[in-house]
Amino acid sequence: MGEYKSPYKKLIAFFEKSRDGWKAKCLEAKYAVKKLKNQVRYLAARKKELKRRVRELEAALSEARCREQSREQELEALKKSLDAEAASRGL
């Protein structure tokens, strides 16, 4: 400690303050990293859940479109049969 010209009491206080400062800064950075990791984990899980939900909804939509198309075909067939009946009766 011979290279310092200040009194040891002041040096000790300065070094303690410096050490406490970088420790606090390090703890804040650790907390921020932990928070970001948790956020990334949550967002990844949420993304996976949303993709699963989208697949479910797309399957349901496809099924609904198939039902609609079959009902439209059934309706067209009924209309044709009614038209044929009306034509055969001479209406």
N, C-alpha and C. Protein backbone atom coordinates (compact mmCIF):
# COMPACT_ATOMS: atom_id res chain seq x y z
N MET A 1 0.83 -1.19 0.00
CA MET A 1 0.00 0.00 0.00
C MET A 1 0.88 1.25 0.00
N GLY A 2 2.10 1.09 -0.30
CA GLY A 2 3.01 2.21 -0.27
C GLY A 2 2.80 3.21 -1.39
N GLU A 3 2.14 2.80 -2.49
CA GLU A 3 1.99 3.73 -3.61
C GLU A 3 0.86 4.74 -3.42
N TYR A 4 0.00 4.55 -2.43
CA TYR A 4 -1.08 5.50 -2.18
C TYR A 4 -0.61 6.59 -1.23
N LYS A 5 -0.98 7.84 -1.51
CA LYS A 5 -0.56 8.95 -0.68
C LYS A 5 -1.65 9.34 0.32
N SER A 6 -2.88 8.91 0.08
CA SER A 6 -3.99 9.26 0.97
C SER A 6 -3.93 8.43 2.25
N PRO A 7 -4.56 8.93 3.29
CA PRO A 7 -4.58 8.17 4.55
C PRO A 7 -5.38 6.87 4.37
N TYR A 8 -4.97 5.84 5.12
CA TYR A 8 -5.60 4.53 5.01
C TYR A 8 -7.09 4.59 5.32
N LYS A 9 -7.50 5.41 6.24
CA LYS A 9 -8.92 5.52 6.61
C LYS A 9 -9.75 5.94 5.39
N LYS A 10 -9.27 6.92 4.65
CA LYS A 10 -9.98 7.39 3.45
C LYS A 10 -9.94 6.33 2.36
N LEU A 11 -8.82 5.67 2.20
CA LEU A 11 -8.69 4.64 1.18
C LEU A 11 -9.65 3.48 1.45
N ILE A 12 -9.71 3.06 2.71
CA ILE A 12 -10.61 1.96 3.07
C ILE A 12 -12.05 2.33 2.76
N ALA A 13 -12.47 3.54 3.13
CA ALA A 13 -13.84 3.98 2.86
C ALA A 13 -14.09 4.03 1.35
N PHE A 14 -13.11 4.53 0.59
CA PHE A 14 -13.26 4.61 -0.86
C PHE A 14 -13.39 3.22 -1.48
N PHE A 15 -12.50 2.30 -1.07
CA PHE A 15 -12.54 0.95 -1.65
C PHE A 15 -13.81 0.19 -1.24
N GLU A 16 -14.28 0.39 -0.01
CA GLU A 16 -15.53 -0.24 0.42
C GLU A 16 -16.71 0.28 -0.40
N LYS A 17 -16.71 1.59 -0.60
CA LYS A 17 -17.79 2.20 -1.40
C LYS A 17 -17.74 1.69 -2.84
N SER A 18 -16.54 1.60 -3.39
CA SER A 18 -16.37 1.10 -4.75
C SER A 18 -16.84 -0.35 -4.85
N ARG A 19 -16.40 -1.19 -3.88
CA ARG A 19 -16.80 -2.59 -3.87
C ARG A 19 -18.32 -2.72 -3.74
N ASP A 20 -18.93 -1.97 -2.86
CA ASP A 20 -20.38 -2.04 -2.67
C ASP A 20 -21.11 -1.60 -3.94
N GLY A 21 -20.52 -0.62 -4.62
CA GLY A 21 -21.13 -0.14 -5.85
C GLY A 21 -21.13 -1.20 -6.94
N TRP A 22 -19.98 -1.84 -7.16
CA TRP A 22 -19.97 -2.85 -8.23
C TRP A 22 -20.75 -4.09 -7.84
N LYS A 23 -20.82 -4.40 -6.53
CA LYS A 23 -21.64 -5.54 -6.10
C LYS A 23 -23.11 -5.26 -6.39
N ALA A 24 -23.54 -4.05 -6.07
CA ALA A 24 -24.94 -3.68 -6.32
C ALA A 24 -25.23 -3.72 -7.82
N LYS A 25 -24.29 -3.19 -8.61
CA LYS A 25 -24.45 -3.19 -10.06
C LYS A 25 -24.52 -4.62 -10.59
N CYS A 26 -23.69 -5.50 -10.05
CA CYS A 26 -23.68 -6.90 -10.46
C CYS A 26 -25.00 -7.57 -10.09
N LEU A 27 -25.51 -7.32 -8.89
CA LEU A 27 -26.79 -7.91 -8.47
C LEU A 27 -27.94 -7.42 -9.35
N GLU A 28 -27.92 -6.14 -9.70
CA GLU A 28 -28.95 -5.61 -10.60
C GLU A 28 -28.89 -6.29 -11.95
N ALA A 29 -27.67 -6.47 -12.46
CA ALA A 29 -27.51 -7.14 -13.76
C ALA A 29 -27.97 -8.59 -13.68
N LYS A 30 -27.66 -9.29 -12.59
CA LYS A 30 -28.11 -10.67 -12.41
C LYS A 30 -29.63 -10.73 -12.39
N TYR A 31 -30.24 -9.80 -11.68
CA TYR A 31 -31.70 -9.75 -11.60
C TYR A 31 -32.29 -9.50 -12.98
N ALA A 32 -31.69 -8.58 -13.72
CA ALA A 32 -32.19 -8.27 -15.07
C ALA A 32 -32.06 -9.49 -15.98
N VAL A 33 -30.94 -10.20 -15.89
CA VAL A 33 -30.73 -11.39 -16.72
C VAL A 33 -31.76 -12.46 -16.35
N LYS A 34 -31.97 -12.66 -15.05
CA LYS A 34 -32.94 -13.66 -14.60
C LYS A 34 -34.34 -13.30 -15.09
N LYS A 35 -34.68 -12.03 -14.99
CA LYS A 35 -35.99 -11.56 -15.44
C LYS A 35 -36.16 -11.80 -16.94
N LEU A 36 -35.14 -11.49 -17.71
CA LEU A 36 -35.20 -11.69 -19.16
C LEU A 36 -35.28 -13.16 -19.52
N LYS A 37 -34.54 -14.01 -18.80
CA LYS A 37 -34.61 -15.45 -19.07
C LYS A 37 -36.01 -15.97 -18.78
N ASN A 38 -36.60 -15.52 -17.68
CA ASN A 38 -37.96 -15.94 -17.35
C ASN A 38 -38.93 -15.47 -18.42
N GLN A 39 -38.74 -14.25 -18.90
CA GLN A 39 -39.61 -13.70 -19.93
C GLN A 39 -39.48 -14.50 -21.23
N VAL A 40 -38.25 -14.85 -21.59
CA VAL A 40 -38.02 -15.65 -22.80
C VAL A 40 -38.69 -17.02 -22.65
N ARG A 41 -38.53 -17.63 -21.48
CA ARG A 41 -39.14 -18.95 -21.25
C ARG A 41 -40.66 -18.85 -21.35
N TYR A 42 -41.24 -17.80 -20.74
CA TYR A 42 -42.69 -17.61 -20.79
C TYR A 42 -43.15 -17.40 -22.24
N LEU A 43 -42.43 -16.55 -22.97
CA LEU A 43 -42.83 -16.25 -24.35
C LEU A 43 -42.70 -17.47 -25.25
N ALA A 44 -41.68 -18.29 -25.01
CA ALA A 44 -41.52 -19.51 -25.81
C ALA A 44 -42.69 -20.46 -25.54
N ALA A 45 -43.05 -20.60 -24.27
CA ALA A 45 -44.17 -21.47 -23.92
C ALA A 45 -45.48 -20.92 -24.50
N ARG A 46 -45.64 -19.62 -24.43
CA ARG A 46 -46.85 -18.97 -24.96
C ARG A 46 -46.92 -19.16 -26.48
N LYS A 47 -45.79 -19.01 -27.15
CA LYS A 47 -45.74 -19.19 -28.60
C LYS A 47 -46.14 -20.62 -28.96
N LYS A 48 -45.61 -21.59 -28.21
CA LYS A 48 -45.93 -22.98 -28.46
C LYS A 48 -47.43 -23.23 -28.26
N GLU A 49 -47.98 -22.67 -27.20
CA GLU A 49 -49.42 -22.82 -26.91
C GLU A 49 -50.26 -22.17 -28.00
N LEU A 50 -49.86 -20.99 -28.45
CA LEU A 50 -50.62 -20.30 -29.49
C LEU A 50 -50.57 -21.07 -30.81
N LYS A 51 -49.41 -21.65 -31.12
CA LYS A 51 -49.30 -22.45 -32.35
C LYS A 51 -50.23 -23.65 -32.28
N ARG A 52 -50.28 -24.31 -31.11
CA ARG A 52 -51.17 -25.44 -30.92
C ARG A 52 -52.62 -25.01 -31.10
N ARG A 53 -52.96 -23.88 -30.52
CA ARG A 53 -54.33 -23.36 -30.60
C ARG A 53 -54.68 -23.00 -32.05
N VAL A 54 -53.74 -22.42 -32.79
CA VAL A 54 -53.97 -22.08 -34.19
C VAL A 54 -54.23 -23.35 -35.00
N ARG A 55 -53.44 -24.40 -34.73
CA ARG A 55 -53.66 -25.67 -35.45
C ARG A 55 -55.06 -26.21 -35.15
N GLU A 56 -55.47 -26.15 -33.88
CA GLU A 56 -56.82 -26.61 -33.51
C GLU A 56 -57.89 -25.80 -34.24
N LEU A 57 -57.72 -24.49 -34.25
CA LEU A 57 -58.71 -23.63 -34.90
C LEU A 57 -58.74 -23.84 -36.41
N GLU A 58 -57.56 -24.04 -37.01
CA GLU A 58 -57.53 -24.30 -38.45
C GLU A 58 -58.23 -25.62 -38.78
N ALA A 59 -58.03 -26.62 -37.93
CA ALA A 59 -58.70 -27.91 -38.14
C ALA A 59 -60.21 -27.74 -37.99
N ALA A 60 -60.64 -26.98 -36.98
CA ALA A 60 -62.07 -26.75 -36.78
C ALA A 60 -62.65 -25.97 -37.95
N LEU A 61 -61.92 -25.00 -38.45
CA LEU A 61 -62.38 -24.21 -39.59
C LEU A 61 -62.50 -25.08 -40.83
N SER A 62 -61.53 -25.92 -41.06
CA SER A 62 -61.57 -26.81 -42.21
C SER A 62 -62.77 -27.75 -42.11
N GLU A 63 -63.00 -28.27 -40.92
CA GLU A 63 -64.14 -29.16 -40.70
C GLU A 63 -65.46 -28.42 -40.94
N ALA A 64 -65.54 -27.18 -40.46
CA ALA A 64 -66.75 -26.38 -40.65
C ALA A 64 -66.97 -26.08 -42.13
N ARG A 65 -65.90 -25.79 -42.86
CA ARG A 65 -66.03 -25.53 -44.29
C ARG A 65 -66.50 -26.78 -45.04
N CYS A 66 -66.00 -27.94 -44.64
CA CYS A 66 -66.45 -29.19 -45.27
C CYS A 66 -67.93 -29.42 -45.00
N ARG A 67 -68.35 -29.19 -43.76
CA ARG A 67 -69.78 -29.35 -43.43
C ARG A 67 -70.63 -28.37 -44.24
N GLU A 68 -70.15 -27.12 -44.35
CA GLU A 68 -70.89 -26.12 -45.11
C GLU A 68 -71.01 -26.54 -46.57
N GLN A 69 -69.90 -27.02 -47.14
CA GLN A 69 -69.90 -27.42 -48.53
C GLN A 69 -70.85 -28.61 -48.75
N SER A 70 -70.84 -29.57 -47.83
CA SER A 70 -71.75 -30.71 -47.99
C SER A 70 -73.20 -30.28 -47.84
N ARG A 71 -73.47 -29.34 -46.96
CA ARG A 71 -74.84 -28.84 -46.80
C ARG A 71 -75.29 -28.07 -48.04
N GLU A 72 -74.37 -27.29 -48.62
CA GLU A 72 -74.71 -26.58 -49.85
C GLU A 72 -75.01 -27.56 -50.98
N GLN A 73 -74.22 -28.63 -51.06
CA GLN A 73 -74.46 -29.64 -52.09
C GLN A 73 -75.80 -30.34 -51.84
N GLU A 74 -76.08 -30.61 -50.59
CA GLU A 74 -77.36 -31.23 -50.24
C GLU A 74 -78.52 -30.31 -50.59
N LEU A 75 -78.35 -29.03 -50.32
CA LEU A 75 -79.39 -28.05 -50.64
C LEU A 75 -79.61 -27.96 -52.15
N GLU A 76 -78.52 -27.94 -52.91
CA GLU A 76 -78.62 -27.91 -54.36
C GLU A 76 -79.35 -29.16 -54.88
N ALA A 77 -79.03 -30.32 -54.30
CA ALA A 77 -79.69 -31.55 -54.72
C ALA A 77 -81.19 -31.49 -54.41
N LEU A 78 -81.53 -30.96 -53.25
CA LEU A 78 -82.95 -30.82 -52.89
C LEU A 78 -83.67 -29.86 -53.84
N LYS A 79 -83.00 -28.75 -54.18
CA LYS A 79 -83.60 -27.79 -55.11
C LYS A 79 -83.84 -28.45 -56.47
N LYS A 80 -82.84 -29.21 -56.92
CA LYS A 80 -82.98 -29.88 -58.22
C LYS A 80 -84.13 -30.89 -58.19
N SER A 81 -84.22 -31.63 -57.08
CA SER A 81 -85.30 -32.63 -57.00
C SER A 81 -86.66 -31.94 -56.92
N LEU A 82 -86.74 -30.82 -56.24
CA LEU A 82 -88.01 -30.08 -56.18
C LEU A 82 -88.36 -29.51 -57.55
N ASP A 83 -87.35 -28.99 -58.23
CA ASP A 83 -87.59 -28.46 -59.58
C ASP A 83 -88.05 -29.59 -60.51
N ALA A 84 -87.44 -30.74 -60.39
CA ALA A 84 -87.82 -31.88 -61.23
C ALA A 84 -89.25 -32.32 -60.91
N GLU A 85 -89.61 -32.34 -59.64
CA GLU A 85 -90.98 -32.71 -59.24
C GLU A 85 -91.98 -31.69 -59.79
N ALA A 86 -91.64 -30.43 -59.66
CA ALA A 86 -92.54 -29.38 -60.14
C ALA A 86 -92.69 -29.46 -61.65
N ALA A 87 -91.62 -29.77 -62.37
CA ALA A 87 -91.68 -29.88 -63.83
C ALA A 87 -92.51 -31.10 -64.24
N SER A 88 -92.38 -32.19 -63.47
CA SER A 88 -93.15 -33.39 -63.83
C SER A 88 -94.63 -33.21 -63.53
N ARG A 89 -94.96 -32.37 -62.60
CA ARG A 89 -96.36 -32.10 -62.28
C ARG A 89 -96.93 -31.02 -63.20
N GLY A 90 -96.07 -30.38 -63.90
CA GLY A 90 -96.51 -29.36 -64.83
C GLY A 90 -96.78 -28.03 -64.19
N LEU A 91 -96.09 -27.71 -63.11
CA LEU A 91 -96.30 -26.43 -62.41
C LEU A 91 -95.44 -25.40 -62.99
